[in-house]
Amino acid sequence: MSFYLSKEPVMATSKYEEAAYVLVFKTNVEYKKDLKVIELCLSELGDINDWHIDREDVDKVLRIESSSDDPEKIIKALTKAGYLCEELTN
């Protein structure tokens, strides 16, 4: 599956057959144990189709496929859990 930095709907090519937004964030998630916390935060939002954190990247990039274009909601949820989360744009 290919992702692009975009706020335009991207047709999902995975198991999800609906239009989705791809949102990209810089985080400070370093450890595997943090992934469970992130998973809980994102599952509470309800409109996240898929997500991935590249902990090897210098920016610890979080890529989210969502049916909603609301990066502030994601930033707020992760910040509340104690993580840095800033939207990366083109």
N, C-alpha and C. Protein backbone atom coordinates (compact mmCIF):
# COMPACT_ATOMS: atom_id res chain seq x y z
N MET A 1 0.85 -1.16 0.00
CA MET A 1 0.00 0.00 0.00
C MET A 1 0.90 1.22 0.00
N SER A 2 0.58 2.22 -0.80
CA SER A 2 1.36 3.45 -0.87
C SER A 2 0.63 4.56 -0.15
N PHE A 3 1.37 5.37 0.59
CA PHE A 3 0.81 6.52 1.28
C PHE A 3 1.46 7.78 0.75
N TYR A 4 0.71 8.84 0.70
CA TYR A 4 1.22 10.13 0.27
C TYR A 4 0.85 11.16 1.32
N LEU A 5 1.68 12.18 1.49
CA LEU A 5 1.36 13.27 2.41
C LEU A 5 0.25 14.10 1.77
N SER A 6 -0.94 13.90 2.24
CA SER A 6 -2.07 14.55 1.60
C SER A 6 -3.23 14.67 2.54
N LYS A 7 -4.00 15.71 2.38
CA LYS A 7 -5.24 15.84 3.11
C LYS A 7 -6.42 15.55 2.20
N GLU A 8 -6.12 15.19 0.98
CA GLU A 8 -7.17 14.80 0.04
C GLU A 8 -7.52 13.35 0.29
N PRO A 9 -8.78 12.96 0.06
CA PRO A 9 -9.13 11.56 0.25
C PRO A 9 -8.28 10.68 -0.67
N VAL A 10 -7.78 9.62 -0.12
CA VAL A 10 -7.01 8.65 -0.87
C VAL A 10 -7.81 7.35 -0.84
N MET A 11 -8.07 6.78 -2.00
CA MET A 11 -8.81 5.54 -2.02
C MET A 11 -7.97 4.44 -1.38
N ALA A 12 -8.53 3.81 -0.39
CA ALA A 12 -7.81 2.74 0.30
C ALA A 12 -7.64 1.55 -0.62
N THR A 13 -6.47 0.98 -0.60
CA THR A 13 -6.21 -0.20 -1.41
C THR A 13 -6.03 -1.43 -0.53
N SER A 14 -6.29 -1.27 0.74
CA SER A 14 -6.16 -2.39 1.65
C SER A 14 -7.52 -3.05 1.83
N LYS A 15 -7.72 -3.66 2.97
CA LYS A 15 -8.98 -4.33 3.24
C LYS A 15 -10.14 -3.34 3.43
N TYR A 16 -9.84 -2.07 3.51
CA TYR A 16 -10.87 -1.06 3.69
C TYR A 16 -11.29 -0.52 2.34
N GLU A 17 -12.54 -0.61 2.03
CA GLU A 17 -13.06 -0.21 0.72
C GLU A 17 -13.78 1.13 0.81
N GLU A 18 -13.21 2.08 1.51
CA GLU A 18 -13.81 3.40 1.65
C GLU A 18 -12.73 4.46 1.46
N ALA A 19 -13.16 5.66 1.15
CA ALA A 19 -12.21 6.76 1.01
C ALA A 19 -11.60 7.05 2.38
N ALA A 20 -10.33 7.42 2.38
CA ALA A 20 -9.65 7.68 3.64
C ALA A 20 -8.67 8.82 3.47
N TYR A 21 -8.37 9.45 4.58
CA TYR A 21 -7.33 10.48 4.63
C TYR A 21 -6.08 9.84 5.21
N VAL A 22 -4.94 10.25 4.70
CA VAL A 22 -3.67 9.82 5.26
C VAL A 22 -3.07 11.02 6.00
N LEU A 23 -2.90 10.84 7.29
CA LEU A 23 -2.36 11.90 8.14
C LEU A 23 -1.00 11.45 8.64
N VAL A 24 -0.04 12.36 8.69
CA VAL A 24 1.33 12.01 9.05
C VAL A 24 1.79 12.94 10.17
N PHE A 25 2.40 12.33 11.19
CA PHE A 25 2.80 13.07 12.39
C PHE A 25 4.22 12.74 12.81
N LYS A 26 4.88 13.71 13.41
CA LYS A 26 6.15 13.51 14.08
C LYS A 26 5.81 13.18 15.54
N THR A 27 6.46 12.15 16.10
CA THR A 27 6.21 11.77 17.49
C THR A 27 7.53 11.55 18.21
N ASN A 28 7.43 11.20 19.48
CA ASN A 28 8.61 10.83 20.26
C ASN A 28 8.47 9.39 20.77
N VAL A 29 7.71 8.57 20.09
CA VAL A 29 7.50 7.18 20.49
C VAL A 29 8.77 6.39 20.18
N GLU A 30 9.39 5.85 21.23
CA GLU A 30 10.67 5.16 21.03
C GLU A 30 10.59 3.67 21.31
N TYR A 31 9.78 3.26 22.25
CA TYR A 31 9.83 1.89 22.73
C TYR A 31 8.62 1.07 22.28
N LYS A 32 8.85 -0.21 22.15
CA LYS A 32 7.79 -1.13 21.74
C LYS A 32 6.62 -1.08 22.72
N LYS A 33 6.91 -0.92 24.01
CA LYS A 33 5.86 -0.89 25.03
C LYS A 33 4.92 0.30 24.83
N ASP A 34 5.41 1.37 24.21
CA ASP A 34 4.58 2.55 23.96
C ASP A 34 3.51 2.28 22.91
N LEU A 35 3.74 1.30 22.06
CA LEU A 35 2.80 1.02 20.97
C LEU A 35 1.44 0.60 21.50
N LYS A 36 1.40 -0.10 22.61
CA LYS A 36 0.12 -0.51 23.20
C LYS A 36 -0.67 0.72 23.67
N VAL A 37 0.02 1.68 24.25
CA VAL A 37 -0.63 2.92 24.69
C VAL A 37 -1.18 3.68 23.49
N ILE A 38 -0.36 3.77 22.43
CA ILE A 38 -0.80 4.45 21.21
C ILE A 38 -2.01 3.74 20.63
N GLU A 39 -1.96 2.42 20.61
CA GLU A 39 -3.09 1.64 20.08
C GLU A 39 -4.37 1.94 20.85
N LEU A 40 -4.29 2.01 22.16
CA LEU A 40 -5.47 2.33 22.97
C LEU A 40 -5.98 3.74 22.69
N CYS A 41 -5.07 4.70 22.58
CA CYS A 41 -5.47 6.09 22.28
C CYS A 41 -6.20 6.16 20.94
N LEU A 42 -5.63 5.53 19.92
CA LEU A 42 -6.21 5.61 18.59
C LEU A 42 -7.50 4.82 18.47
N SER A 43 -7.61 3.70 19.18
CA SER A 43 -8.84 2.91 19.12
C SER A 43 -10.02 3.65 19.73
N GLU A 44 -9.76 4.52 20.69
CA GLU A 44 -10.82 5.31 21.31
C GLU A 44 -11.38 6.37 20.36
N LEU A 45 -10.62 6.74 19.34
CA LEU A 45 -11.08 7.77 18.40
C LEU A 45 -12.14 7.24 17.45
N GLY A 46 -12.09 5.97 17.14
CA GLY A 46 -13.16 5.34 16.37
C GLY A 46 -13.10 5.45 14.86
N ASP A 47 -12.40 6.40 14.29
CA ASP A 47 -12.40 6.56 12.83
C ASP A 47 -11.03 6.27 12.22
N ILE A 48 -10.18 5.56 12.95
CA ILE A 48 -8.86 5.18 12.47
C ILE A 48 -8.96 3.81 11.80
N ASN A 49 -8.61 3.75 10.52
CA ASN A 49 -8.65 2.48 9.80
C ASN A 49 -7.36 1.69 9.96
N ASP A 50 -6.24 2.38 9.94
CA ASP A 50 -4.94 1.72 10.02
C ASP A 50 -3.91 2.74 10.48
N TRP A 51 -2.84 2.27 11.10
CA TRP A 51 -1.78 3.18 11.54
C TRP A 51 -0.47 2.41 11.64
N HIS A 52 0.63 3.17 11.61
CA HIS A 52 1.97 2.60 11.71
C HIS A 52 2.93 3.67 12.22
N ILE A 53 3.82 3.27 13.10
CA ILE A 53 4.87 4.17 13.58
C ILE A 53 6.22 3.61 13.13
N ASP A 54 7.00 4.45 12.48
CA ASP A 54 8.35 4.08 12.07
C ASP A 54 9.30 4.58 13.16
N ARG A 55 9.60 3.71 14.12
CA ARG A 55 10.46 4.10 15.24
C ARG A 55 11.92 4.23 14.83
N GLU A 56 12.28 3.76 13.65
CA GLU A 56 13.65 3.89 13.16
C GLU A 56 13.90 5.27 12.54
N ASP A 57 12.86 5.95 12.12
CA ASP A 57 12.96 7.27 11.52
C ASP A 57 13.32 8.30 12.59
N VAL A 58 14.09 9.31 12.24
CA VAL A 58 14.49 10.34 13.19
C VAL A 58 13.27 11.07 13.78
N ASP A 59 12.19 11.18 13.01
CA ASP A 59 10.98 11.86 13.48
C ASP A 59 9.96 10.91 14.08
N LYS A 60 10.29 9.62 14.20
CA LYS A 60 9.36 8.62 14.75
C LYS A 60 7.99 8.80 14.11
N VAL A 61 7.94 8.72 12.80
CA VAL A 61 6.77 9.09 12.01
C VAL A 61 5.59 8.15 12.25
N LEU A 62 4.46 8.75 12.57
CA LEU A 62 3.19 8.06 12.73
C LEU A 62 2.35 8.36 11.50
N ARG A 63 1.97 7.31 10.76
CA ARG A 63 1.10 7.46 9.59
C ARG A 63 -0.24 6.85 9.92
N ILE A 64 -1.29 7.61 9.70
CA ILE A 64 -2.64 7.16 10.04
C ILE A 64 -3.52 7.23 8.81
N GLU A 65 -4.26 6.17 8.56
CA GLU A 65 -5.31 6.16 7.55
C GLU A 65 -6.63 6.28 8.31
N SER A 66 -7.36 7.34 8.03
CA SER A 66 -8.57 7.64 8.79
C SER A 66 -9.71 8.07 7.86
N SER A 67 -10.91 7.81 8.29
CA SER A 67 -12.07 8.27 7.53
C SER A 67 -12.38 9.73 7.86
N SER A 68 -11.62 10.32 8.78
CA SER A 68 -11.81 11.71 9.19
C SER A 68 -10.54 12.51 8.95
N ASP A 69 -10.70 13.75 8.56
CA ASP A 69 -9.58 14.66 8.38
C ASP A 69 -9.50 15.59 9.58
N ASP A 70 -9.13 15.03 10.73
CA ASP A 70 -9.07 15.82 11.95
C ASP A 70 -7.77 15.55 12.70
N PRO A 71 -6.66 16.13 12.23
CA PRO A 71 -5.38 15.88 12.89
C PRO A 71 -5.34 16.38 14.33
N GLU A 72 -6.08 17.43 14.64
CA GLU A 72 -6.07 17.98 16.00
C GLU A 72 -6.59 16.97 17.02
N LYS A 73 -7.55 16.15 16.62
CA LYS A 73 -8.10 15.13 17.52
C LYS A 73 -7.01 14.11 17.87
N ILE A 74 -6.20 13.74 16.90
CA ILE A 74 -5.13 12.77 17.11
C ILE A 74 -4.03 13.40 17.97
N ILE A 75 -3.67 14.63 17.65
CA ILE A 75 -2.65 15.35 18.43
C ILE A 75 -3.08 15.46 19.89
N LYS A 76 -4.32 15.81 20.10
CA LYS A 76 -4.84 15.97 21.46
C LYS A 76 -4.80 14.64 22.23
N ALA A 77 -5.20 13.55 21.58
CA ALA A 77 -5.22 12.24 22.24
C ALA A 77 -3.82 11.78 22.62
N LEU A 78 -2.86 11.93 21.72
CA LEU A 78 -1.50 11.48 22.02
C LEU A 78 -0.80 12.39 23.02
N THR A 79 -1.06 13.69 22.93
CA THR A 79 -0.49 14.64 23.88
C THR A 79 -1.01 14.35 25.29
N LYS A 80 -2.30 14.06 25.38
CA LYS A 80 -2.92 13.73 26.67
C LYS A 80 -2.27 12.48 27.28
N ALA A 81 -1.84 11.55 26.42
CA ALA A 81 -1.19 10.33 26.89
C ALA A 81 0.29 10.55 27.20
N GLY A 82 0.80 11.77 26.96
CA GLY A 82 2.17 12.10 27.32
C GLY A 82 3.18 12.05 26.19
N TYR A 83 2.71 11.99 24.95
CA TYR A 83 3.62 11.91 23.80
C TYR A 83 3.64 13.21 23.01
N LEU A 84 4.76 13.46 22.38
CA LEU A 84 4.88 14.55 21.41
C LEU A 84 4.15 14.11 20.16
N CYS A 85 3.37 14.98 19.57
CA CYS A 85 2.67 14.65 18.32
C CYS A 85 2.45 15.96 17.56
N GLU A 86 3.13 16.08 16.42
CA GLU A 86 3.00 17.26 15.57
C GLU A 86 2.72 16.81 14.16
N GLU A 87 1.77 17.46 13.50
CA GLU A 87 1.44 17.09 12.12
C GLU A 87 2.58 17.48 11.19
N LEU A 88 2.93 16.56 10.29
CA LEU A 88 3.90 16.84 9.23
C LEU A 88 3.11 17.12 7.95
N THR A 89 3.44 18.20 7.30
CA THR A 89 2.76 18.54 6.04
C THR A 89 3.77 18.54 4.91
N ASN A 90 3.27 18.68 3.71
CA ASN A 90 4.15 18.63 2.51
C ASN A 90 5.29 19.54 2.68
